[in-house]
C-alpha cells in the first residue's frame, strides 16, 4: 500500500488531480462510488479520500468492507 485515491464529484476530483493525485474517479451515484471504492481496495490504496456526501450514501458498504481495519485510511471531506 502506498498511494492516495479520490472518489467524488467532478470539482473535487479535478482539484486533487491538479494537486498530483493520479488515482481519482468521478462518481454521480452510490453504485458508481461502490465500484470505485472496491477497485481502490483491490489496488491496495493506502488512503482513500471521498466526499462526505458520497460516503454517507455508501456508509454500510464502507463499514462492511473495512470493519475495524486501520488501512486503508478513509478521509471524508465536505
N, C-alpha and C. Protein backbone atom coordinates (compact mmCIF):
# COMPACT_ATOMS: atom_id res chain seq x y z
N UNK A 1 0.84 -1.18 0.00
CA UNK A 1 0.00 0.00 0.00
C UNK A 1 0.88 1.24 0.00
N UNK A 2 0.60 2.11 -0.94
CA UNK A 2 1.47 3.29 -0.96
C UNK A 2 0.92 4.43 -1.79
N UNK A 3 -0.37 4.54 -1.87
CA UNK A 3 -0.91 5.54 -2.77
C UNK A 3 -2.13 6.23 -2.17
N UNK A 4 -2.54 7.30 -2.85
CA UNK A 4 -3.72 8.07 -2.46
C UNK A 4 -4.71 8.02 -3.62
N UNK A 5 -6.00 7.88 -3.30
CA UNK A 5 -7.04 7.87 -4.31
C UNK A 5 -8.18 8.77 -3.86
N UNK A 6 -8.92 9.30 -4.84
CA UNK A 6 -10.03 10.20 -4.55
C UNK A 6 -11.28 9.71 -5.25
N UNK A 7 -12.41 9.77 -4.53
CA UNK A 7 -13.72 9.45 -5.09
C UNK A 7 -14.61 10.65 -4.80
N UNK A 8 -15.24 11.20 -5.84
CA UNK A 8 -16.12 12.34 -5.59
C UNK A 8 -16.67 12.97 -6.84
N UNK A 9 -17.19 14.17 -6.67
CA UNK A 9 -17.77 14.90 -7.79
C UNK A 9 -16.65 15.48 -8.66
N UNK A 10 -17.02 16.02 -9.80
CA UNK A 10 -16.05 16.50 -10.78
C UNK A 10 -15.16 17.60 -10.22
N UNK A 11 -15.71 18.51 -9.43
CA UNK A 11 -14.91 19.61 -8.88
C UNK A 11 -13.86 19.10 -7.90
N UNK A 12 -14.26 18.21 -7.02
CA UNK A 12 -13.33 17.64 -6.04
C UNK A 12 -12.23 16.86 -6.71
N UNK A 13 -12.61 15.98 -7.62
CA UNK A 13 -11.63 15.14 -8.30
C UNK A 13 -10.68 15.99 -9.13
N UNK A 14 -11.20 17.00 -9.82
CA UNK A 14 -10.34 17.87 -10.63
C UNK A 14 -9.31 18.58 -9.77
N UNK A 15 -9.73 19.08 -8.61
CA UNK A 15 -8.80 19.75 -7.71
C UNK A 15 -7.67 18.84 -7.25
N UNK A 16 -8.00 17.62 -6.88
CA UNK A 16 -6.97 16.68 -6.44
C UNK A 16 -6.08 16.25 -7.60
N UNK A 17 -6.64 16.12 -8.78
CA UNK A 17 -5.80 15.78 -9.95
C UNK A 17 -4.81 16.89 -10.23
N UNK A 18 -5.25 18.14 -10.11
CA UNK A 18 -4.34 19.27 -10.28
C UNK A 18 -3.23 19.25 -9.22
N UNK A 19 -3.55 18.71 -8.07
CA UNK A 19 -2.57 18.59 -6.98
C UNK A 19 -1.65 17.38 -7.12
N UNK A 20 -1.86 16.57 -8.15
CA UNK A 20 -0.96 15.45 -8.41
C UNK A 20 -1.49 14.07 -8.09
N UNK A 21 -2.73 13.97 -7.62
CA UNK A 21 -3.30 12.65 -7.33
C UNK A 21 -3.70 12.00 -8.65
N UNK A 22 -3.15 10.83 -8.92
CA UNK A 22 -3.41 10.15 -10.19
C UNK A 22 -4.60 9.21 -10.13
N UNK A 23 -4.82 8.62 -8.97
CA UNK A 23 -5.93 7.67 -8.81
C UNK A 23 -7.16 8.44 -8.36
N UNK A 24 -8.05 8.75 -9.28
CA UNK A 24 -9.24 9.54 -8.94
C UNK A 24 -10.39 9.15 -9.86
N UNK A 25 -11.58 9.06 -9.28
CA UNK A 25 -12.75 8.66 -10.04
C UNK A 25 -13.89 9.63 -9.74
N UNK A 26 -14.49 10.15 -10.81
CA UNK A 26 -15.69 10.99 -10.68
C UNK A 26 -16.89 10.07 -10.61
N UNK A 27 -17.72 10.27 -9.58
CA UNK A 27 -18.93 9.45 -9.42
C UNK A 27 -20.14 10.35 -9.25
N UNK A 28 -21.28 9.84 -9.72
CA UNK A 28 -22.54 10.57 -9.59
C UNK A 28 -23.57 9.80 -8.78
N UNK A 29 -23.37 8.49 -8.65
CA UNK A 29 -24.33 7.66 -7.94
C UNK A 29 -23.62 6.80 -6.89
N UNK A 30 -24.40 6.27 -5.97
CA UNK A 30 -23.85 5.39 -4.95
C UNK A 30 -23.27 4.12 -5.58
N UNK A 31 -23.93 3.61 -6.61
CA UNK A 31 -23.41 2.41 -7.27
C UNK A 31 -22.04 2.65 -7.88
N UNK A 32 -21.86 3.81 -8.52
CA UNK A 32 -20.55 4.16 -9.09
C UNK A 32 -19.51 4.29 -7.98
N UNK A 33 -19.90 4.86 -6.84
CA UNK A 33 -18.97 5.02 -5.73
C UNK A 33 -18.54 3.67 -5.17
N UNK A 34 -19.47 2.74 -5.08
CA UNK A 34 -19.15 1.39 -4.58
C UNK A 34 -18.15 0.71 -5.50
N UNK A 35 -18.37 0.81 -6.80
CA UNK A 35 -17.44 0.20 -7.77
C UNK A 35 -16.05 0.81 -7.62
N UNK A 36 -15.98 2.14 -7.52
CA UNK A 36 -14.69 2.83 -7.38
C UNK A 36 -14.02 2.45 -6.06
N UNK A 37 -14.79 2.42 -4.98
CA UNK A 37 -14.25 2.06 -3.66
C UNK A 37 -13.66 0.66 -3.69
N UNK A 38 -14.40 -0.30 -4.22
CA UNK A 38 -13.91 -1.68 -4.30
C UNK A 38 -12.66 -1.78 -5.18
N UNK A 39 -12.63 -1.01 -6.25
CA UNK A 39 -11.46 -1.01 -7.14
C UNK A 39 -10.22 -0.55 -6.37
N UNK A 40 -10.37 0.51 -5.59
CA UNK A 40 -9.23 1.01 -4.83
C UNK A 40 -8.81 0.04 -3.73
N UNK A 41 -9.76 -0.68 -3.15
CA UNK A 41 -9.40 -1.70 -2.16
C UNK A 41 -8.59 -2.81 -2.81
N UNK A 42 -8.99 -3.22 -4.01
CA UNK A 42 -8.27 -4.26 -4.73
C UNK A 42 -6.86 -3.82 -5.11
N UNK A 43 -6.69 -2.52 -5.37
CA UNK A 43 -5.38 -1.98 -5.75
C UNK A 43 -4.51 -1.68 -4.53
N UNK A 44 -5.03 -1.94 -3.35
CA UNK A 44 -4.32 -1.73 -2.10
C UNK A 44 -3.86 -0.28 -1.92
N UNK A 45 -4.77 0.63 -2.19
CA UNK A 45 -4.54 2.05 -1.95
C UNK A 45 -4.51 2.28 -0.44
N UNK A 46 -3.57 3.09 0.05
CA UNK A 46 -3.46 3.27 1.49
C UNK A 46 -4.33 4.39 2.05
N UNK A 47 -4.66 5.40 1.23
CA UNK A 47 -5.54 6.48 1.67
C UNK A 47 -6.60 6.71 0.60
N UNK A 48 -7.86 6.61 1.00
CA UNK A 48 -8.97 6.88 0.09
C UNK A 48 -9.68 8.13 0.60
N UNK A 49 -9.68 9.17 -0.23
CA UNK A 49 -10.37 10.41 0.09
C UNK A 49 -11.71 10.36 -0.65
N UNK A 50 -12.78 10.59 0.09
CA UNK A 50 -14.11 10.52 -0.50
C UNK A 50 -14.94 11.69 0.01
N UNK A 51 -15.77 12.22 -0.85
CA UNK A 51 -16.62 13.32 -0.40
C UNK A 51 -17.60 12.79 0.64
N UNK A 52 -17.89 13.63 1.61
CA UNK A 52 -18.77 13.24 2.71
C UNK A 52 -20.15 12.84 2.21
N UNK A 53 -20.65 13.54 1.23
CA UNK A 53 -21.97 13.23 0.67
C UNK A 53 -22.00 11.81 0.12
N UNK A 54 -20.98 11.44 -0.64
CA UNK A 54 -20.95 10.10 -1.23
C UNK A 54 -20.66 9.04 -0.16
N UNK A 55 -19.81 9.37 0.80
CA UNK A 55 -19.52 8.41 1.88
C UNK A 55 -20.79 8.10 2.68
N UNK A 56 -21.61 9.10 2.91
CA UNK A 56 -22.87 8.87 3.63
C UNK A 56 -23.79 7.93 2.86
N UNK A 57 -23.75 8.01 1.54
CA UNK A 57 -24.61 7.15 0.71
C UNK A 57 -24.15 5.70 0.70
N UNK A 58 -22.84 5.47 0.90
CA UNK A 58 -22.33 4.10 0.86
C UNK A 58 -21.74 3.67 2.21
N UNK A 59 -22.18 4.32 3.28
CA UNK A 59 -21.64 4.07 4.62
C UNK A 59 -21.66 2.59 5.00
N UNK A 60 -22.77 1.92 4.78
CA UNK A 60 -22.86 0.50 5.14
C UNK A 60 -21.85 -0.34 4.37
N UNK A 61 -21.66 -0.02 3.11
CA UNK A 61 -20.70 -0.76 2.29
C UNK A 61 -19.28 -0.53 2.81
N UNK A 62 -18.94 0.71 3.13
CA UNK A 62 -17.62 1.02 3.67
C UNK A 62 -17.38 0.25 4.96
N UNK A 63 -18.34 0.32 5.87
CA UNK A 63 -18.18 -0.37 7.15
C UNK A 63 -18.06 -1.88 6.99
N UNK A 64 -18.81 -2.44 6.05
CA UNK A 64 -18.75 -3.88 5.81
C UNK A 64 -17.39 -4.28 5.24
N UNK A 65 -16.85 -3.48 4.33
CA UNK A 65 -15.58 -3.81 3.68
C UNK A 65 -14.37 -3.54 4.57
N UNK A 66 -14.41 -2.46 5.32
CA UNK A 66 -13.25 -2.04 6.11
C UNK A 66 -13.30 -2.61 7.53
N UNK A 67 -14.47 -2.57 8.14
CA UNK A 67 -14.60 -3.04 9.52
C UNK A 67 -13.75 -2.20 10.45
N UNK A 68 -12.91 -2.84 11.25
CA UNK A 68 -12.05 -2.11 12.18
C UNK A 68 -10.61 -2.03 11.68
N UNK A 69 -10.40 -2.29 10.42
CA UNK A 69 -9.07 -2.24 9.84
C UNK A 69 -8.51 -0.82 9.86
N UNK A 70 -7.21 -0.72 10.06
CA UNK A 70 -6.55 0.57 10.09
C UNK A 70 -6.33 1.10 8.67
N UNK A 71 -5.99 0.23 7.77
CA UNK A 71 -5.74 0.63 6.38
C UNK A 71 -6.73 -0.04 5.46
N UNK A 72 -7.20 0.61 4.45
CA UNK A 72 -6.83 1.95 4.08
C UNK A 72 -7.49 2.98 5.00
N UNK A 73 -6.84 4.12 5.11
CA UNK A 73 -7.40 5.22 5.87
C UNK A 73 -8.45 5.88 4.97
N UNK A 74 -9.64 6.08 5.50
CA UNK A 74 -10.71 6.72 4.76
C UNK A 74 -10.85 8.15 5.28
N UNK A 75 -10.67 9.11 4.39
CA UNK A 75 -10.81 10.52 4.76
C UNK A 75 -12.01 11.09 4.05
N UNK A 76 -12.95 11.59 4.83
CA UNK A 76 -14.15 12.20 4.26
C UNK A 76 -13.98 13.71 4.26
N UNK A 77 -14.26 14.32 3.10
CA UNK A 77 -14.15 15.77 3.01
C UNK A 77 -15.51 16.36 2.66
N UNK A 78 -15.81 17.56 3.17
CA UNK A 78 -17.11 18.18 2.89
C UNK A 78 -17.24 18.60 1.43
